[in-house]
Amino acid sequence: MHKFLFTQIEGKSLSIDYLEVQSYEMNVYLVYLTVGNKSGMVYDKQDRPMRFFSTGQIREVFSHCTVQQAVMKYDSPYDEMIGNPPKSAQQMALPFSMQLPY
């Protein structure tokens, strides 16, 4: 898996084939990218997966990039806790708009 360093993405016009927003509890989002034949998470300066705190922040950070496909995946830990059946092995990916609101 490739590490995309945020410092190398910031301010550069990058052509992204696939951008996946992974949504977690407490308004924490991680971003997984595919650029050409490289795929991996976006990392911060401390070499940790970079946390984003809103979908708007993600749109702003990648606004200078060309994104072919963007999706959001959400994983809730609460399904089994409230008696719902176990989750499927594959998460559902919903379309994610990269357009900034006006």
N, C-alpha and C. Protein backbone atom coordinates (compact mmCIF):
# COMPACT_ATOMS: atom_id res chain seq x y z
N MET A 1 0.84 -1.18 0.00
CA MET A 1 0.00 0.00 0.00
C MET A 1 0.89 1.24 0.00
N HIS A 2 0.54 2.20 -0.83
CA HIS A 2 1.29 3.44 -0.97
C HIS A 2 0.83 4.45 0.09
N LYS A 3 1.74 5.28 0.55
CA LYS A 3 1.39 6.38 1.45
C LYS A 3 1.41 7.68 0.65
N PHE A 4 0.26 8.33 0.57
CA PHE A 4 0.19 9.65 -0.05
C PHE A 4 0.39 10.68 1.05
N LEU A 5 1.49 11.38 1.01
CA LEU A 5 1.77 12.40 2.02
C LEU A 5 1.00 13.67 1.68
N PHE A 6 0.29 14.18 2.67
CA PHE A 6 -0.52 15.38 2.44
C PHE A 6 0.33 16.54 1.93
N THR A 7 1.55 16.65 2.41
CA THR A 7 2.43 17.74 1.99
C THR A 7 2.77 17.65 0.50
N GLN A 8 2.71 16.44 -0.07
CA GLN A 8 2.98 16.27 -1.49
C GLN A 8 1.74 16.50 -2.34
N ILE A 9 0.56 16.43 -1.73
CA ILE A 9 -0.70 16.62 -2.45
C ILE A 9 -1.13 18.08 -2.40
N GLU A 10 -0.92 18.70 -1.26
CA GLU A 10 -1.38 20.06 -1.00
C GLU A 10 -0.89 21.04 -2.07
N GLY A 11 -1.83 21.71 -2.71
CA GLY A 11 -1.50 22.73 -3.70
C GLY A 11 -1.09 22.22 -5.06
N LYS A 12 -1.06 20.90 -5.28
CA LYS A 12 -0.67 20.36 -6.57
C LYS A 12 -1.89 19.91 -7.34
N SER A 13 -1.87 20.12 -8.62
CA SER A 13 -2.96 19.69 -9.48
C SER A 13 -2.78 18.22 -9.80
N LEU A 14 -3.47 17.38 -9.06
CA LEU A 14 -3.30 15.94 -9.15
C LEU A 14 -4.52 15.33 -9.82
N SER A 15 -4.31 14.35 -10.68
CA SER A 15 -5.41 13.63 -11.31
C SER A 15 -5.63 12.35 -10.52
N ILE A 16 -6.75 12.29 -9.81
CA ILE A 16 -7.07 11.17 -8.91
C ILE A 16 -8.10 10.28 -9.60
N ASP A 17 -7.77 9.01 -9.73
CA ASP A 17 -8.70 8.06 -10.36
C ASP A 17 -9.85 7.71 -9.42
N TYR A 18 -9.55 7.54 -8.14
CA TYR A 18 -10.54 7.09 -7.17
C TYR A 18 -10.23 7.72 -5.82
N LEU A 19 -11.24 8.34 -5.21
CA LEU A 19 -11.10 8.93 -3.88
C LEU A 19 -12.19 8.31 -3.01
N GLU A 20 -11.77 7.70 -1.92
CA GLU A 20 -12.72 7.06 -1.01
C GLU A 20 -12.66 7.75 0.33
N VAL A 21 -13.80 8.28 0.78
CA VAL A 21 -13.91 8.90 2.09
C VAL A 21 -14.40 7.80 3.04
N GLN A 22 -13.62 7.52 4.06
CA GLN A 22 -14.01 6.52 5.05
C GLN A 22 -14.50 7.26 6.28
N SER A 23 -15.80 7.14 6.54
CA SER A 23 -16.46 7.89 7.61
C SER A 23 -16.51 7.07 8.89
N TYR A 24 -16.09 7.70 10.00
CA TYR A 24 -16.10 7.06 11.30
C TYR A 24 -16.87 7.93 12.27
N GLU A 25 -17.09 7.42 13.46
CA GLU A 25 -17.80 8.17 14.50
C GLU A 25 -17.05 9.44 14.88
N MET A 26 -17.74 10.35 15.50
CA MET A 26 -17.17 11.60 16.02
C MET A 26 -16.62 12.50 14.92
N ASN A 27 -17.24 12.50 13.75
CA ASN A 27 -16.83 13.36 12.65
C ASN A 27 -15.36 13.19 12.27
N VAL A 28 -14.92 11.97 12.16
CA VAL A 28 -13.57 11.67 11.71
C VAL A 28 -13.67 10.98 10.36
N TYR A 29 -12.91 11.51 9.41
CA TYR A 29 -12.89 10.97 8.06
C TYR A 29 -11.44 10.70 7.66
N LEU A 30 -11.20 9.56 7.03
CA LEU A 30 -9.91 9.24 6.44
C LEU A 30 -10.12 9.16 4.94
N VAL A 31 -9.06 9.42 4.17
CA VAL A 31 -9.16 9.41 2.71
C VAL A 31 -8.19 8.40 2.12
N TYR A 32 -8.73 7.57 1.24
CA TYR A 32 -7.98 6.55 0.51
C TYR A 32 -7.99 6.96 -0.95
N LEU A 33 -6.85 6.95 -1.61
CA LEU A 33 -6.73 7.39 -3.00
C LEU A 33 -6.18 6.30 -3.90
N THR A 34 -6.56 6.37 -5.16
CA THR A 34 -5.90 5.62 -6.21
C THR A 34 -5.50 6.62 -7.28
N VAL A 35 -4.20 6.68 -7.56
CA VAL A 35 -3.65 7.55 -8.58
C VAL A 35 -2.77 6.67 -9.46
N GLY A 36 -3.22 6.44 -10.69
CA GLY A 36 -2.48 5.53 -11.57
C GLY A 36 -2.46 4.14 -10.97
N ASN A 37 -1.28 3.58 -10.80
CA ASN A 37 -1.18 2.23 -10.25
C ASN A 37 -0.85 2.23 -8.75
N LYS A 38 -0.97 3.39 -8.09
CA LYS A 38 -0.69 3.50 -6.65
C LYS A 38 -1.99 3.72 -5.88
N SER A 39 -2.17 2.97 -4.81
CA SER A 39 -3.34 3.12 -3.95
C SER A 39 -2.90 3.16 -2.50
N GLY A 40 -3.54 4.01 -1.71
CA GLY A 40 -3.22 4.07 -0.29
C GLY A 40 -3.89 5.24 0.40
N MET A 41 -3.63 5.34 1.69
CA MET A 41 -4.21 6.39 2.52
C MET A 41 -3.40 7.68 2.40
N VAL A 42 -4.05 8.79 2.77
CA VAL A 42 -3.38 10.08 2.87
C VAL A 42 -2.83 10.19 4.29
N TYR A 43 -1.54 10.54 4.40
CA TYR A 43 -0.86 10.62 5.70
C TYR A 43 -0.47 12.06 6.02
N ASP A 44 -0.43 12.38 7.32
CA ASP A 44 -0.05 13.72 7.76
C ASP A 44 1.46 13.80 7.98
N LYS A 45 1.92 14.92 8.52
CA LYS A 45 3.36 15.14 8.73
C LYS A 45 3.97 14.20 9.77
N GLN A 46 3.14 13.67 10.67
CA GLN A 46 3.64 12.77 11.71
C GLN A 46 3.58 11.30 11.26
N ASP A 47 3.37 11.07 9.97
CA ASP A 47 3.31 9.73 9.40
C ASP A 47 2.15 8.90 9.97
N ARG A 48 1.00 9.57 10.20
CA ARG A 48 -0.22 8.91 10.64
C ARG A 48 -1.29 9.19 9.59
N PRO A 49 -2.28 8.29 9.45
CA PRO A 49 -3.37 8.60 8.53
C PRO A 49 -3.97 9.96 8.87
N MET A 50 -4.10 10.80 7.87
CA MET A 50 -4.58 12.17 8.10
C MET A 50 -6.07 12.17 8.41
N ARG A 51 -6.43 12.82 9.49
CA ARG A 51 -7.83 12.96 9.88
C ARG A 51 -8.41 14.22 9.29
N PHE A 52 -9.57 14.08 8.70
CA PHE A 52 -10.35 15.23 8.25
C PHE A 52 -11.57 15.28 9.16
N PHE A 53 -12.08 16.49 9.43
CA PHE A 53 -13.15 16.63 10.41
C PHE A 53 -14.48 17.06 9.81
N SER A 54 -14.55 17.16 8.47
CA SER A 54 -15.82 17.42 7.80
C SER A 54 -15.68 17.07 6.33
N THR A 55 -16.81 16.81 5.71
CA THR A 55 -16.78 16.53 4.28
C THR A 55 -16.40 17.80 3.51
N GLY A 56 -16.78 18.94 4.03
CA GLY A 56 -16.41 20.21 3.40
C GLY A 56 -14.90 20.40 3.39
N GLN A 57 -14.24 20.02 4.46
CA GLN A 57 -12.78 20.12 4.53
C GLN A 57 -12.14 19.24 3.44
N ILE A 58 -12.68 18.05 3.24
CA ILE A 58 -12.15 17.16 2.20
C ILE A 58 -12.33 17.80 0.83
N ARG A 59 -13.51 18.34 0.58
CA ARG A 59 -13.77 18.99 -0.72
C ARG A 59 -12.81 20.16 -0.95
N GLU A 60 -12.57 20.95 0.09
CA GLU A 60 -11.66 22.09 -0.05
C GLU A 60 -10.23 21.64 -0.31
N VAL A 61 -9.77 20.66 0.45
CA VAL A 61 -8.39 20.19 0.33
C VAL A 61 -8.11 19.64 -1.07
N PHE A 62 -9.09 18.95 -1.66
CA PHE A 62 -8.89 18.33 -2.97
C PHE A 62 -9.54 19.14 -4.11
N SER A 63 -9.92 20.38 -3.85
CA SER A 63 -10.61 21.19 -4.86
C SER A 63 -9.74 21.49 -6.08
N HIS A 64 -8.45 21.50 -5.93
CA HIS A 64 -7.54 21.77 -7.05
C HIS A 64 -7.22 20.51 -7.85
N CYS A 65 -7.74 19.37 -7.41
CA CYS A 65 -7.47 18.09 -8.07
C CYS A 65 -8.63 17.71 -9.00
N THR A 66 -8.33 16.88 -9.97
CA THR A 66 -9.36 16.30 -10.82
C THR A 66 -9.63 14.91 -10.28
N VAL A 67 -10.88 14.67 -9.87
CA VAL A 67 -11.26 13.39 -9.28
C VAL A 67 -12.24 12.69 -10.21
N GLN A 68 -11.84 11.51 -10.70
CA GLN A 68 -12.69 10.76 -11.63
C GLN A 68 -13.89 10.13 -10.92
N GLN A 69 -13.66 9.51 -9.76
CA GLN A 69 -14.73 8.87 -9.01
C GLN A 69 -14.49 9.10 -7.52
N ALA A 70 -15.55 9.48 -6.82
CA ALA A 70 -15.46 9.68 -5.37
C ALA A 70 -16.62 8.96 -4.70
N VAL A 71 -16.32 8.25 -3.62
CA VAL A 71 -17.35 7.53 -2.86
C VAL A 71 -17.12 7.75 -1.37
N MET A 72 -18.18 7.49 -0.59
CA MET A 72 -18.06 7.52 0.86
C MET A 72 -18.49 6.16 1.40
N LYS A 73 -17.70 5.64 2.33
CA LYS A 73 -18.04 4.40 3.03
C LYS A 73 -18.20 4.71 4.51
N TYR A 74 -19.23 4.15 5.09
CA TYR A 74 -19.51 4.37 6.51
C TYR A 74 -19.58 3.03 7.22
N ASP A 75 -18.89 2.91 8.32
CA ASP A 75 -18.90 1.69 9.09
C ASP A 75 -19.37 2.02 10.51
N SER A 76 -20.54 1.51 10.87
CA SER A 76 -21.08 1.77 12.20
C SER A 76 -20.82 0.58 13.11
N PRO A 77 -20.31 0.83 14.29
CA PRO A 77 -20.08 -0.26 15.24
C PRO A 77 -21.35 -0.65 16.00
N TYR A 78 -22.46 0.02 15.73
CA TYR A 78 -23.64 -0.14 16.57
C TYR A 78 -24.64 -1.18 16.08
N ASP A 79 -24.54 -1.66 14.84
CA ASP A 79 -25.53 -2.60 14.31
C ASP A 79 -25.72 -3.81 15.22
N GLU A 80 -24.65 -4.50 15.51
CA GLU A 80 -24.76 -5.72 16.32
C GLU A 80 -25.12 -5.38 17.77
N MET A 81 -24.74 -4.19 18.23
CA MET A 81 -25.04 -3.81 19.61
C MET A 81 -26.53 -3.64 19.84
N ILE A 82 -27.27 -3.28 18.79
CA ILE A 82 -28.71 -3.04 18.95
C ILE A 82 -29.54 -4.19 18.38
N GLY A 83 -28.88 -5.34 18.15
CA GLY A 83 -29.62 -6.52 17.73
C GLY A 83 -29.79 -6.70 16.23
N ASN A 84 -29.19 -5.85 15.43
CA ASN A 84 -29.24 -6.03 13.98
C ASN A 84 -28.34 -7.18 13.58
N PRO A 85 -28.60 -7.79 12.44
CA PRO A 85 -27.74 -8.90 12.01
C PRO A 85 -26.31 -8.42 11.76
N PRO A 86 -25.34 -9.35 11.81
CA PRO A 86 -23.95 -8.97 11.52
C PRO A 86 -23.83 -8.33 10.14
N LYS A 87 -22.87 -7.44 10.01
CA LYS A 87 -22.66 -6.72 8.76
C LYS A 87 -22.15 -7.66 7.68
N SER A 88 -22.39 -7.25 6.45
CA SER A 88 -21.82 -8.01 5.34
C SER A 88 -20.32 -7.75 5.31
N ALA A 89 -19.60 -8.60 4.63
CA ALA A 89 -18.14 -8.48 4.55
C ALA A 89 -17.73 -7.24 3.78
N GLN A 90 -18.61 -6.75 2.92
CA GLN A 90 -18.27 -5.60 2.08
C GLN A 90 -19.13 -4.40 2.45
N GLN A 91 -18.50 -3.26 2.64
CA GLN A 91 -19.23 -2.04 2.96
C GLN A 91 -19.88 -1.48 1.70
N MET A 92 -20.98 -0.76 1.90
CA MET A 92 -21.64 -0.11 0.79
C MET A 92 -20.92 1.21 0.50
N ALA A 93 -20.67 1.48 -0.77
CA ALA A 93 -20.03 2.73 -1.17
C ALA A 93 -21.08 3.62 -1.81
N LEU A 94 -21.27 4.80 -1.26
CA LEU A 94 -22.23 5.77 -1.79
C LEU A 94 -21.50 6.84 -2.57
N PRO A 95 -22.10 7.34 -3.66
CA PRO A 95 -21.44 8.42 -4.41
C PRO A 95 -21.17 9.62 -3.50
N PHE A 96 -20.04 10.27 -3.71
CA PHE A 96 -19.65 11.43 -2.91
C PHE A 96 -19.31 12.57 -3.88
N SER A 97 -20.06 13.66 -3.76
CA SER A 97 -19.84 14.81 -4.64
C SER A 97 -18.62 15.61 -4.16
N MET A 98 -17.74 15.92 -5.11
CA MET A 98 -16.56 16.72 -4.78
C MET A 98 -16.79 18.21 -5.02
N GLN A 99 -18.00 18.59 -5.42
CA GLN A 99 -18.29 20.00 -5.67
C GLN A 99 -18.44 20.77 -4.37
N LEU A 100 -17.80 21.91 -4.31
CA LEU A 100 -17.94 22.79 -3.16
C LEU A 100 -19.29 23.49 -3.24
N PRO A 101 -19.96 23.67 -2.09
CA PRO A 101 -21.23 24.42 -2.13
C PRO A 101 -20.98 25.88 -2.45
N TYR A 102 -21.95 26.49 -3.02
CA TYR A 102 -21.82 27.91 -3.40
C TYR A 102 -21.95 28.82 -2.23
